[in-house]
Protein backbone atom coordinates (compact mmCIF):
# COMPACT_ATOMS: atom_id res chain seq x y z
CA MET A 1 -13.03 14.89 -13.25
CA VAL A 2 -10.69 17.44 -11.73
CA GLN A 3 -7.88 18.79 -13.86
CA ALA A 4 -4.38 17.85 -12.74
CA ASP A 5 -3.28 21.34 -11.76
CA SER A 6 -6.64 22.82 -10.72
CA LEU A 7 -5.77 22.57 -7.01
CA VAL A 8 -2.04 23.34 -7.23
CA GLU A 9 -0.94 26.02 -4.76
CA TYR A 10 2.09 28.31 -4.81
CA GLY A 11 4.21 30.30 -2.38
CA SER A 12 3.21 30.72 1.25
CA ARG A 13 -0.25 29.24 0.68
CA ARG A 14 1.28 25.88 -0.36
CA VAL A 15 3.63 25.99 2.63
CA ILE A 16 0.71 26.55 5.04
CA ILE A 17 -1.34 23.73 3.49
CA THR A 18 1.65 21.37 3.61
CA VAL A 19 2.41 22.17 7.27
CA THR A 20 -1.28 21.73 8.18
CA ALA A 21 -1.47 18.31 6.50
CA ILE A 22 1.81 17.17 8.10
CA ILE A 23 0.59 18.22 11.56
CA CYS A 24 -2.58 16.18 11.04
CA ALA A 25 -0.68 13.11 9.78
CA LEU A 26 1.69 13.31 12.76
CA LEU A 27 -1.17 13.72 15.24
CA GLU A 28 -2.81 10.56 13.94
CA ILE A 29 0.29 8.37 13.77
CA VAL A 30 1.91 9.50 17.02
CA ASP A 31 -1.32 8.58 18.82
CA THR A 32 -1.06 4.97 17.59
CA THR A 33 2.06 4.42 19.72
CA ILE A 34 2.17 7.16 22.38
CA VAL A 35 -0.33 5.32 24.62
CA ASN A 36 1.86 2.19 24.84
CA VAL A 37 4.13 3.66 27.54
CA ALA A 38 1.20 4.90 29.66
CA ILE A 39 -0.49 1.52 30.19
CA ASN A 40 0.75 1.02 33.76
CA ASP A 41 -0.25 4.54 34.83
CA MET A 42 -3.72 4.10 33.33
CA LYS A 43 -4.15 0.78 35.14
CA GLY A 44 -3.38 2.34 38.49
CA ASN A 45 -5.36 5.53 37.94
CA LEU A 46 -8.49 3.92 36.47
CA GLY A 47 -8.43 0.70 38.49
CA ALA A 48 -8.38 -1.43 35.35
CA THR A 49 -6.78 -4.75 34.47
CA THR A 50 -4.08 -5.13 31.81
CA THR A 51 -6.62 -6.68 29.43
CA GLU A 52 -9.05 -3.80 29.92
CA VAL A 53 -6.38 -1.16 29.36
CA GLY A 54 -5.26 -3.04 26.24
CA TRP A 55 -8.60 -2.00 24.75
CA VAL A 56 -7.37 1.62 24.79
CA ILE A 57 -4.96 0.65 22.00
CA THR A 58 -7.31 -1.81 20.28
CA ALA A 59 -10.29 0.58 20.10
CA TYR A 60 -8.19 3.26 18.39
CA ALA A 61 -6.84 0.78 15.84
CA ILE A 62 -10.34 -0.55 15.06
CA GLY A 63 -11.68 2.98 14.55
CA ASN A 64 -8.72 3.73 12.27
CA VAL A 65 -9.01 0.71 10.05
CA ILE A 66 -12.82 1.04 9.66
CA ILE A 67 -12.74 4.63 8.42
CA VAL A 68 -9.65 4.57 6.15
CA PRO A 69 -11.25 2.71 3.19
CA MET A 70 -14.25 5.08 3.25
CA THR A 71 -12.30 8.36 3.22
CA SER A 72 -12.47 8.91 -0.55
CA TRP A 73 -16.23 8.29 -0.62
CA LEU A 74 -16.91 10.47 2.44
CA ALA A 75 -14.82 13.29 0.98
CA GLN A 76 -16.96 13.16 -2.16
CA GLN A 77 -20.18 13.25 -0.15
CA PHE A 78 -19.32 16.20 2.07
CA GLY A 79 -16.47 17.96 0.26
CA ARG A 80 -12.87 17.22 1.10
CA ARG A 81 -12.21 20.42 3.07
CA ASN A 82 -15.36 20.00 5.17
CA TYR A 83 -14.70 16.30 5.79
CA PHE A 84 -11.07 16.98 6.71
CA ALA A 85 -12.00 19.80 9.09
CA VAL A 86 -14.72 17.74 10.79
CA SER A 87 -12.28 14.82 11.18
CA ILE A 88 -9.73 17.12 12.87
CA MET A 89 -12.45 18.47 15.18
CA LEU A 90 -13.62 14.94 16.07
CA PHE A 91 -10.02 13.88 16.76
CA THR A 92 -9.38 16.98 18.91
CA LEU A 93 -12.64 16.75 20.88
CA SER A 94 -12.07 13.01 21.46
CA SER A 95 -8.55 13.79 22.73
CA PHE A 96 -10.04 16.16 25.30
CA LEU A 97 -12.63 13.56 26.33
CA CYS A 98 -9.94 10.84 26.60
CA GLY A 99 -7.92 13.02 28.98
CA ASN A 100 -11.02 13.64 31.11
CA ALA A 101 -12.19 10.00 31.18
CA THR A 102 -12.94 8.79 34.71
CA GLY A 103 -13.33 5.09 33.89
CA ILE A 104 -11.90 2.56 31.48
CA THR A 105 -15.19 2.16 29.55
CA GLU A 106 -15.34 5.90 28.86
CA LEU A 107 -11.72 5.96 27.76
CA VAL A 108 -12.19 3.04 25.34
CA ILE A 109 -15.29 4.65 23.75
CA PHE A 110 -13.53 8.01 23.32
CA ARG A 111 -10.44 6.29 21.87
CA PHE A 112 -12.66 4.58 19.28
CA LEU A 113 -14.10 7.98 18.30
CA GLN A 114 -10.58 9.39 18.19
CA GLY A 115 -9.62 6.55 15.85
CA LEU A 116 -12.54 7.36 13.54
CA GLY A 117 -11.39 10.98 13.35
CA GLY A 118 -7.71 10.09 13.07
CA GLY A 119 -8.07 7.47 10.34
CA ALA A 120 -9.41 10.11 7.96
CA LEU A 121 -6.49 12.47 8.67
CA LEU A 122 -3.80 10.20 7.28
CA VAL A 123 -5.14 9.43 3.81
CA THR A 124 -6.72 12.86 3.28
CA SER A 125 -3.46 14.58 4.29
CA GLN A 126 -1.65 12.58 1.63
CA THR A 127 -4.13 13.58 -1.08
CA ILE A 128 -4.17 17.25 -0.05
CA ILE A 129 -0.37 17.51 -0.09
CA THR A 130 -0.12 15.67 -3.40
CA GLU A 131 -2.63 17.84 -5.24
CA SER A 132 -1.09 21.06 -3.89
CA TYR A 133 2.08 20.40 -5.91
CA PRO A 134 2.49 20.39 -9.70
CA VAL A 135 2.76 16.93 -11.30
CA ALA A 136 6.53 17.25 -11.79
CA LYS A 137 7.10 17.90 -8.08
CA ARG A 138 4.83 15.25 -6.60
CA GLY A 139 7.71 12.97 -5.73
CA MET A 140 8.86 15.71 -3.36
CA ALA A 141 5.30 16.02 -2.06
CA GLN A 142 5.30 12.31 -1.18
CA ALA A 143 8.68 12.78 0.52
CA ILE A 144 7.26 15.53 2.74
CA TYR A 145 4.21 13.42 3.61
CA GLY A 146 6.37 10.35 4.16
CA MET A 147 8.39 12.12 6.86
CA GLY A 148 5.28 12.26 9.01
CA VAL A 149 4.20 8.68 8.32
CA ILE A 150 7.57 7.06 9.01
CA ILE A 151 8.75 9.30 11.85
CA GLY A 152 5.40 9.36 13.68
CA PRO A 153 5.43 5.80 15.11
CA THR A 154 8.99 6.38 16.37
CA LEU A 155 8.17 9.67 18.12
CA GLY A 156 5.27 8.20 20.11
CA PRO A 157 7.11 6.16 22.78
CA PRO A 158 9.80 8.73 23.72
CA LEU A 159 7.28 11.58 23.75
CA GLY A 160 4.83 9.55 25.84
CA GLY A 161 7.61 8.42 28.17
CA TRP A 162 8.80 12.00 28.69
CA ILE A 163 5.27 13.22 29.46
CA ILE A 164 4.65 10.38 31.94
CA ASP A 165 7.99 10.97 33.70
CA ASN A 166 8.07 14.78 33.74
CA VAL A 167 4.60 16.35 33.39
CA GLN A 168 2.56 16.72 36.54
CA GLY A 169 -0.85 15.15 35.99
CA GLY A 170 0.51 12.14 34.09
CA TRP A 171 -1.15 10.24 31.29
CA PRO A 172 -4.07 12.62 30.42
CA TYR A 173 -1.50 14.99 28.93
CA ILE A 174 -0.59 12.53 26.19
CA PHE A 175 -4.08 13.40 24.89
CA TYR A 176 -4.17 17.07 25.87
CA ILE A 177 -1.12 17.90 23.72
CA ASN A 178 -3.31 17.20 20.66
CA ILE A 179 -5.78 19.98 21.51
CA PRO A 180 -3.85 23.18 20.58
CA LEU A 181 -2.44 21.57 17.43
CA GLY A 182 -5.91 20.30 16.48
CA ILE A 183 -7.48 23.75 16.89
CA ILE A 184 -4.76 25.40 14.79
CA ALA A 185 -5.05 22.71 12.09
CA THR A 186 -8.85 23.13 11.95
CA LEU A 187 -8.63 26.91 11.48
CA LEU A 188 -5.91 26.60 8.81
CA THR A 189 -7.91 23.91 6.97
CA LEU A 190 -11.07 26.03 6.84
CA GLN A 191 -9.07 29.06 5.68
CA PHE A 192 -6.65 27.58 3.14
CA VAL A 193 -7.60 24.05 1.97
CA ARG A 194 -9.72 23.87 -1.18
CA SER A 195 -12.03 21.04 -2.29
CA PRO A 196 -12.28 19.66 -5.82
CA LYS A 197 -15.56 20.34 -7.60
CA TYR A 198 -17.25 16.96 -7.45
CA SER A 199 -19.52 16.09 -10.33
CA GLU A 200 -22.07 14.29 -8.18
CA LYS A 201 -23.04 13.23 -4.68
CA SER A 202 -25.11 10.26 -3.68
CA ALA A 203 -28.70 10.75 -2.63
CA ALA A 204 -29.52 9.29 0.79
CA ALA A 205 -31.33 6.39 -0.89
CA ASP A 206 -28.24 5.65 -2.98
CA ILE A 207 -25.79 5.51 -0.08
CA ASP A 208 -24.25 2.07 0.42
CA TRP A 209 -25.37 1.62 4.02
CA ILE A 210 -25.10 -2.17 3.79
CA GLY A 211 -21.54 -1.85 2.43
CA ILE A 212 -20.61 0.45 5.32
CA ALA A 213 -22.04 -2.02 7.86
CA LEU A 214 -20.27 -4.98 6.24
CA LEU A 215 -16.97 -3.07 6.09
CA ALA A 216 -17.19 -2.13 9.77
CA THR A 217 -18.06 -5.73 10.67
CA PHE A 218 -15.26 -7.21 8.57
CA VAL A 219 -12.33 -4.95 9.49
CA GLY A 220 -13.51 -4.42 13.07
CA SER A 221 -13.63 -8.17 13.72
CA LEU A 222 -10.32 -8.74 11.94
CA GLN A 223 -8.60 -5.98 13.92
CA TYR A 224 -9.94 -7.37 17.21
CA ILE A 225 -8.63 -10.85 16.33
CA LEU A 226 -5.18 -9.46 15.51
CA GLU A 227 -5.01 -7.23 18.59
CA LYS A 228 -6.42 -9.69 21.14
CA GLY A 229 -5.72 -13.12 19.65
CA HIS A 230 -2.50 -13.73 21.55
CA ASP A 231 -3.90 -12.51 24.88
CA ASP A 232 -6.94 -14.78 24.50
CA ASP A 233 -4.86 -17.80 23.36
CA TRP A 234 -6.27 -17.60 19.83
CA PHE A 235 -8.74 -20.35 18.92
CA SER A 236 -9.10 -21.68 22.44
CA SER A 237 -11.26 -18.57 22.96
CA SER A 238 -14.88 -18.77 21.84
CA THR A 239 -14.87 -15.00 21.19
CA ILE A 240 -11.96 -15.33 18.75
CA ILE A 241 -13.65 -18.26 16.99
CA ILE A 242 -16.95 -16.37 16.62
CA LEU A 243 -15.24 -13.20 15.37
CA THR A 244 -13.15 -15.22 12.90
CA VAL A 245 -16.35 -16.60 11.37
CA VAL A 246 -17.88 -13.09 11.40
CA ALA A 247 -14.77 -11.63 9.71
CA ILE A 248 -14.75 -14.30 6.97
CA LEU A 249 -18.47 -13.91 6.23
CA GLY A 250 -18.28 -10.13 6.54
CA GLY A 251 -15.34 -9.98 4.13
CA PHE A 252 -17.02 -12.26 1.60
CA PHE A 253 -20.31 -10.36 1.56
CA PHE A 254 -18.53 -6.99 1.61
CA ILE A 255 -16.57 -7.89 -1.55
CA TRP A 256 -19.72 -9.21 -3.22
CA ARG A 257 -21.69 -6.08 -2.28
CA GLU A 258 -19.03 -3.63 -3.48
CA LEU A 259 -18.65 -5.42 -6.82
CA THR A 260 -22.40 -5.45 -7.51
CA PHE A 261 -23.78 -2.22 -6.00
CA ARG A 262 -24.10 0.76 -8.37
CA ASN A 263 -22.49 3.24 -5.95
CA PRO A 264 -20.10 1.28 -3.67
CA VAL A 265 -18.62 2.91 -0.59
CA VAL A 266 -15.26 1.30 -1.51
CA ASN A 267 -14.47 0.94 -5.20
CA LEU A 268 -12.75 -2.46 -5.37
CA ARG A 269 -12.53 -2.23 -9.16
CA VAL A 270 -9.61 0.17 -8.80
CA LEU A 271 -7.55 -2.89 -7.79
CA LYS A 272 -7.66 -3.95 -11.45
CA ASN A 273 -4.69 -1.59 -11.76
CA GLY A 274 -1.59 -3.78 -11.59
CA ASN A 275 0.65 -1.19 -9.95
CA LEU A 276 -1.89 -0.53 -7.21
CA ARG A 277 -2.24 -4.28 -6.52
CA VAL A 278 1.52 -4.59 -6.12
CA GLY A 279 1.60 -1.38 -4.10
CA THR A 280 -1.00 -2.62 -1.61
CA ILE A 281 1.01 -5.81 -1.08
CA LEU A 282 4.25 -3.84 -0.63
CA SER A 283 2.46 -1.43 1.74
CA PHE A 284 1.33 -4.41 3.82
CA ILE A 285 4.89 -5.74 4.00
CA MET A 286 6.24 -2.27 4.76
CA GLY A 287 3.71 -1.89 7.60
CA PHE A 288 4.73 -5.32 8.88
CA GLY A 289 8.39 -4.27 9.00
CA LEU A 290 7.83 -0.70 10.24
CA TYR A 291 5.41 -1.44 13.08
CA GLY A 292 6.92 -4.85 13.81
CA SER A 293 10.42 -3.46 14.35
CA THR A 294 9.04 -0.43 16.24
CA PHE A 295 7.30 -2.95 18.53
CA ILE A 296 10.09 -5.48 19.02
CA ILE A 297 13.11 -3.23 19.65
CA PRO A 298 11.64 -1.34 22.65
CA LEU A 299 10.24 -4.64 23.94
CA TYR A 300 13.68 -6.28 23.78
CA THR A 301 15.50 -3.35 25.40
CA GLN A 302 12.99 -3.10 28.26
CA ALA A 303 12.21 -6.77 28.92
CA THR A 304 15.71 -8.18 28.37
CA LEU A 305 18.12 -5.30 28.95
CA GLY A 306 16.09 -3.59 31.69
CA TRP A 307 15.87 -0.14 30.09
CA THR A 308 13.20 2.41 30.98
CA ALA A 309 10.44 3.32 28.49
CA THR A 310 12.07 6.71 27.86
CA GLN A 311 15.48 5.14 27.15
CA ALA A 312 13.90 2.60 24.78
CA GLY A 313 11.99 5.32 22.96
CA LEU A 314 14.98 7.64 22.61
CA LEU A 315 16.97 4.81 21.04
CA MET A 316 14.75 5.09 17.96
CA VAL A 317 15.18 8.85 17.48
CA PRO A 318 18.41 8.79 15.38
CA ALA A 319 16.72 6.38 12.94
CA ALA A 320 13.76 8.74 12.64
CA VAL A 321 16.10 11.69 11.99
CA THR A 322 17.85 9.65 9.30
CA THR A 323 14.53 8.90 7.62
CA GLY A 324 13.62 12.58 7.71
CA PHE A 325 17.00 13.45 6.16
CA MET A 326 16.54 10.82 3.43
CA MET A 327 13.02 11.83 2.37
CA PRO A 328 13.83 15.00 0.38
CA ILE A 329 16.82 13.29 -1.22
CA ILE A 330 14.63 10.43 -2.44
CA GLY A 331 12.02 12.93 -3.59
CA ARG A 332 14.61 14.74 -5.73
CA LEU A 333 15.88 11.45 -7.16
CA LEU A 334 12.35 10.51 -8.23
CA GLN A 335 11.80 14.00 -9.60
CA ALA A 336 14.96 13.57 -11.68
CA GLY A 337 13.62 10.34 -13.21
CA ALA A 338 14.97 7.58 -10.94
CA ARG A 339 12.97 4.35 -11.20
CA GLN A 340 10.65 3.76 -8.25
CA GLN A 341 11.14 -0.02 -8.55
CA LEU A 342 14.93 0.25 -8.23
CA LEU A 343 14.79 2.54 -5.19
CA ALA A 344 12.15 0.36 -3.51
CA ALA A 345 14.22 -2.78 -4.19
CA ILE A 346 17.31 -1.13 -2.67
CA GLY A 347 15.18 -0.16 0.36
CA MET A 348 13.93 -3.74 0.71
CA PHE A 349 17.49 -5.08 0.56
CA MET A 350 18.72 -2.51 3.10
CA PHE A 351 15.89 -3.46 5.46
CA PHE A 352 17.01 -7.08 5.12
CA ILE A 353 20.55 -6.01 6.09
CA PHE A 354 19.16 -4.11 9.10
CA CYS A 355 17.27 -7.22 10.23
CA PHE A 356 20.28 -9.50 9.70
CA TRP A 357 22.41 -6.99 11.61
CA GLY A 358 19.94 -7.19 14.50
CA TYR A 359 20.04 -10.98 14.29
CA LYS A 360 23.82 -10.91 14.71
CA ILE A 361 24.19 -8.40 17.58
CA LEU A 362 21.43 -9.47 19.98
CA THR A 363 22.69 -10.91 23.27
CA PRO A 364 21.40 -10.86 26.88
CA ASP A 365 23.52 -7.72 27.46
CA THR A 366 23.91 -5.90 24.10
CA SER A 367 25.23 -2.35 24.61
CA GLU A 368 23.39 0.80 23.53
CA GLN A 369 26.23 1.67 21.14
CA SER A 370 25.69 -1.58 19.25
CA PHE A 371 22.25 -0.40 18.11
CA PHE A 372 23.24 3.00 16.73
CA TRP A 373 24.42 2.22 13.19
CA MET A 374 21.97 -0.64 12.81
CA LEU A 375 19.06 1.72 13.47
CA ILE A 376 20.56 4.42 11.24
CA PHE A 377 20.50 1.78 8.49
CA ARG A 378 16.84 1.09 9.30
CA GLY A 379 16.02 4.78 8.96
CA ALA A 380 17.72 4.96 5.56
CA ALA A 381 15.92 1.81 4.37
CA LEU A 382 12.50 3.15 5.33
CA GLY A 383 13.29 6.42 3.56
CA LEU A 384 14.06 4.47 0.40
CA LEU A 385 10.93 2.37 0.76
CA PHE A 386 8.07 4.70 1.56
CA ILE A 387 8.09 7.25 -1.27
CA PRO A 388 8.89 4.85 -4.15
CA VAL A 389 6.24 2.34 -2.99
CA THR A 390 3.62 5.09 -2.62
CA THR A 391 4.38 6.76 -5.95
CA LEU A 392 4.58 3.39 -7.72
CA SER A 393 1.15 2.46 -6.31
CA LEU A 394 -0.50 5.65 -7.55
CA SER A 395 1.55 6.34 -10.68
CA THR A 396 -0.94 4.93 -13.23
CA LEU A 397 -4.19 5.99 -11.52
CA LYS A 398 -6.34 8.91 -12.61
CA GLY A 399 -9.09 11.10 -11.18
CA ARG A 400 -10.94 9.87 -8.12
CA GLU A 401 -8.98 6.61 -8.31
CA ILE A 402 -6.09 8.44 -6.59
CA GLY A 403 -7.97 8.91 -3.33
CA GLU A 404 -9.29 5.35 -3.53
CA GLY A 405 -5.80 3.98 -4.18
CA ALA A 406 -4.31 6.00 -1.33
CA ALA A 407 -7.00 4.61 0.99
CA PHE A 408 -6.12 1.03 0.01
CA THR A 409 -2.39 1.51 0.57
CA GLY A 410 -3.05 3.27 3.90
CA MET A 411 -5.36 0.51 5.12
CA MET A 412 -2.93 -2.22 4.06
CA ARG A 413 -0.04 -0.49 5.82
CA GLN A 414 -2.13 -0.34 9.01
CA LEU A 415 -3.25 -3.97 8.69
CA GLY A 416 0.34 -5.00 7.94
CA GLY A 417 1.37 -3.51 11.26
CA SER A 418 -1.47 -5.26 13.10
CA PHE A 419 -0.68 -8.60 11.43
CA GLY A 420 3.01 -8.08 12.14
CA ILE A 421 2.61 -7.45 15.85
CA ALA A 422 0.10 -10.32 16.23
CA ILE A 423 2.30 -12.80 14.36
CA ILE A 424 5.49 -11.65 16.12
CA THR A 425 3.89 -11.96 19.57
CA THR A 426 2.57 -15.46 18.90
CA PHE A 427 5.72 -16.63 17.14
CA MET A 428 7.94 -15.42 19.99
CA ALA A 429 5.83 -17.16 22.62
CA GLN A 430 6.23 -20.44 20.72
CA GLN A 431 9.94 -19.96 20.02
CA VAL A 432 10.73 -19.19 23.66
CA MET A 433 9.33 -22.59 24.63
CA VAL A 434 11.21 -24.33 21.81
CA HIS A 435 14.55 -22.68 22.66
CA ARG A 436 14.09 -23.15 26.39
CA SER A 437 13.38 -26.85 25.92
CA ASP A 438 16.46 -27.17 23.71
CA LEU A 439 18.71 -25.34 26.17
CA VAL A 440 17.45 -27.31 29.17
CA SER A 441 18.08 -30.59 27.33
CA LYS A 442 21.74 -29.59 27.05
CA LEU A 443 22.11 -28.87 30.76
CA ASP A 444 23.34 -32.20 32.14
CA ALA A 445 23.17 -32.11 35.95
CA THR A 446 26.02 -34.64 36.13
CA ASN A 447 28.31 -32.48 34.01
CA PRO A 448 31.21 -31.26 36.21
CA VAL A 449 31.13 -27.83 34.53
CA ILE A 450 27.46 -27.38 35.43
CA GLN A 451 28.02 -28.70 38.96
CA ASN A 452 30.94 -26.34 39.51
CA ARG A 453 28.92 -23.37 38.25
CA VAL A 454 25.96 -24.16 40.54
CA THR A 455 28.28 -24.69 43.51
CA GLY A 456 30.07 -21.43 42.82
CA MET A 457 26.78 -19.52 42.58
CA ALA A 458 25.51 -21.19 45.79
CA GLN A 459 28.67 -20.22 47.67
CA SER A 460 28.26 -16.64 46.43
CA PHE A 461 24.63 -16.52 47.62
CA ALA A 462 25.63 -18.10 50.97
CA ALA A 463 28.33 -15.49 51.45
CA LYS A 464 25.72 -12.76 50.87
CA GLY A 465 23.57 -14.00 53.72
CA ALA A 466 21.56 -17.07 52.64
CA VAL A 467 20.09 -19.00 55.61
CA SER A 468 21.78 -22.25 54.65
CA PHE A 469 23.85 -23.72 51.86
CA ASP A 470 20.84 -25.81 50.69
CA ILE A 471 18.72 -22.67 50.29
CA ALA A 472 21.65 -20.95 48.56
CA LYS A 473 21.85 -23.92 46.20
CA GLN A 474 18.12 -23.61 45.43
CA ASP A 475 18.69 -19.92 44.68
CA ALA A 476 21.55 -20.90 42.38
CA TYR A 477 19.29 -23.24 40.40
CA LYS A 478 16.66 -20.49 40.18
CA ALA A 479 19.27 -18.07 38.86
CA LEU A 480 20.41 -20.64 36.31
CA ASP A 481 16.80 -21.20 35.25
CA TYR A 482 16.36 -17.43 34.84
CA ALA A 483 19.51 -17.26 32.71
CA VAL A 484 18.20 -20.07 30.49
CA THR A 485 14.84 -18.34 30.06
CA LYS A 486 16.54 -15.05 29.26
CA GLN A 487 18.74 -16.71 26.65
CA ALA A 488 15.68 -18.40 25.13
CA MET A 489 14.01 -14.98 24.88
CA VAL A 490 17.05 -13.53 23.11
CA LEU A 491 17.08 -16.43 20.65
CA SER A 492 13.39 -15.81 19.90
CA TYR A 493 14.11 -12.13 19.20
CA MET A 494 16.88 -13.22 16.87
CA ASP A 495 14.46 -15.52 15.02
CA VAL A 496 12.03 -12.63 14.52
CA PHE A 497 14.72 -10.40 13.04
CA LEU A 498 15.92 -13.16 10.74
CA TYR A 499 12.49 -14.07 9.35
CA ILE A 500 11.37 -10.46 8.85
CA GLY A 501 14.63 -9.85 7.00
CA LEU A 502 14.12 -12.88 4.76
CA MET A 503 10.57 -11.71 3.96
CA PHE A 504 11.97 -8.40 2.69
CA LEU A 505 14.78 -10.12 0.79
CA VAL A 506 12.32 -12.38 -1.06
CA CYS A 507 10.39 -9.29 -2.22
CA VAL A 508 13.39 -7.67 -3.97
CA PRO A 509 13.17 -9.49 -7.35
CA PHE A 510 9.38 -9.09 -7.47
CA VAL A 511 9.67 -5.33 -6.94
CA LEU A 512 12.16 -5.06 -9.80
CA MET A 513 9.72 -6.82 -12.15
CA VAL A 514 6.89 -4.33 -11.56
CA ARG A 515 5.88 -2.18 -14.54
CA GLY A 516 6.64 1.46 -13.84
CA ASN A 517 5.79 4.85 -15.27
CA ARG A 518 8.03 5.49 -18.26
CA ASN A 519 7.70 9.27 -18.15
CA LYS A 520 10.55 11.21 -16.66
CA GLY A 521 9.82 12.34 -13.13
CA VAL A 522 7.14 11.08 -10.89
CA LYS A 523 3.85 11.58 -12.70
CA ILE A 524 1.58 10.31 -9.99
CA ASN A 525 -1.58 11.21 -11.79
CA GLU A 526 -3.21 13.33 -14.41
CA ALA A 527 -6.16 14.19 -12.26
CA LEU A 528 -6.89 14.15 -8.59
CA HIS A 529 -10.18 13.88 -6.83
C-alpha cells in the first residue's frame, strides 16, 4: 500500500510532471481523430481502397482498447515510471514508422503498435497527475487532466486538415509531429516521474497469460465489429458473425478466468464498488456523446453543407476552448465541496439542451453562425461532465484500486465512443431510407405545385444549354430527387441529435441518486498505486 501523499510533488517539479502527463494524454487522444481527414490522401499515395485505409483507424482503436484494462497490472510488474517511459517510446517509434510506411499493410501494423503504446499513456497520465497533488487538490488535478481528454478529440481534425493542406509532404507529417514531443516526454518522465514502491510482482509462472489472451480476443473482436460492422453490412457478413461468436465466448471466459485466477491481469472485483460501477456506465455514455457528436457534426457540415475538412474541424475549436476554460472552474468548485452528482447532472442536462438545440437548427443550408453558441454550450456541458464523473468514480477507492478503476472508466469511455459511432452510422443509414420513402410518398406527380416546380427547373436548365426540353426535364427530376435525398439526410441527423439528447436526459435523475463522498472537497483516495 502506498501512502496517500508519498508521491505528492511541489513547485516546479509538479508543474513539469503535470505538463509531461498532459502532453502524453494529448498525443494519444489527438491521434484517434487526426487520421480521419487524411484518408483520401493515404488512398491515393498508398494505392489502397477505402476499406483498407479504414483499417488505419480501426487498428489503432483495437490496440488502444486491448492495452487500457491491463495498464494497472503492467505498471505493477515493471514499475510505473518504466512502463510509462516505454509506452511513450513505443508510441513515438511507431509514429516514425507510420510516417515511413510504403504500403497499407505496414501502416496498419504500425498503427496497431502505436495504439498499444498510446492506450497506456491515457490512464497512466491520469494516475500520475492525480498522485502528484495533495488529496485536497485532486479535483483540480482531474480538471487539468480533463482538459487534454476532452479537447484532444476536437483538435485532431483541424490540426490534421491544416497539415494536409499546408505542409509539403502531406499525411506522413500527421505522425511526424509526435516525434519531438515524444522524445521530450520520455526524457522528462525518466528524470522526474517517480514510481510507487510495489509490495510484490508476479513471477513469470504466476502471470495471467490466458487472461491476457482472452482479453485481447474479446475486446479486439468487439472493436472490429463496432468499427467495421456498418461497412460489412453487419450480420450479412460471415466475418462479423464469426467475430461476434468469438467476442461473446471470449468475454464469458475472460470474466470467468479473472474471477477465479489468483493473480488476474484485470481485477474485476473492484467493480463491487458502487460508485465505480455507476462511473463506468456514465463514462460509457459520456464517450458515446463526446465521440458521437465529434463524429456527426463534421460529417454533417462536409456531406450536407459542402464544407472543407479544415472548416469543419475549426468549427469545433470554440467549444474546445470553452471546455478548457471550464475545467479549472469545476475543479475549484469540487475542491470547495460541491457535490459531484449535482455537477454531473447539470452537465447531463446541458448536453441534452445542446442536442435539442442541434435538432432544432439543422437544415440543408444551416449557417456557420448558427452553430457557434450551440457548440459553446456543448463545451460547457463536457466541462461539467468529465471531472465530476471521474472523481465520483474513484472517490471511494483505495490503494491499487485507483489505477484499476481509472482503467475501467478509460476503457468504457473508449468503447462508448466506438459503440456511439457504430450505432449512429447504422441508425442514420436506416433513417435516411425511412425519411426518403416518406418524402417521396408525399410527392404527387399530378400535383400542380410539383408540376410547376419541375417545369420551372426544366426551363432553367434548358436556358443554360440543355440539348432539349425533355433532357432538361430529366435533369429537373434528378435535381428534385437530390433535394429529397438531402432533406432525408438532414432529418436523419436531426433524429441522431434528438435521441442522444434523450439518452443524456434520462440519466439525470439516476446521477442525482448516486451515493457520493461526504467529506468536504474531492477526496479521490487515501492511497494510490
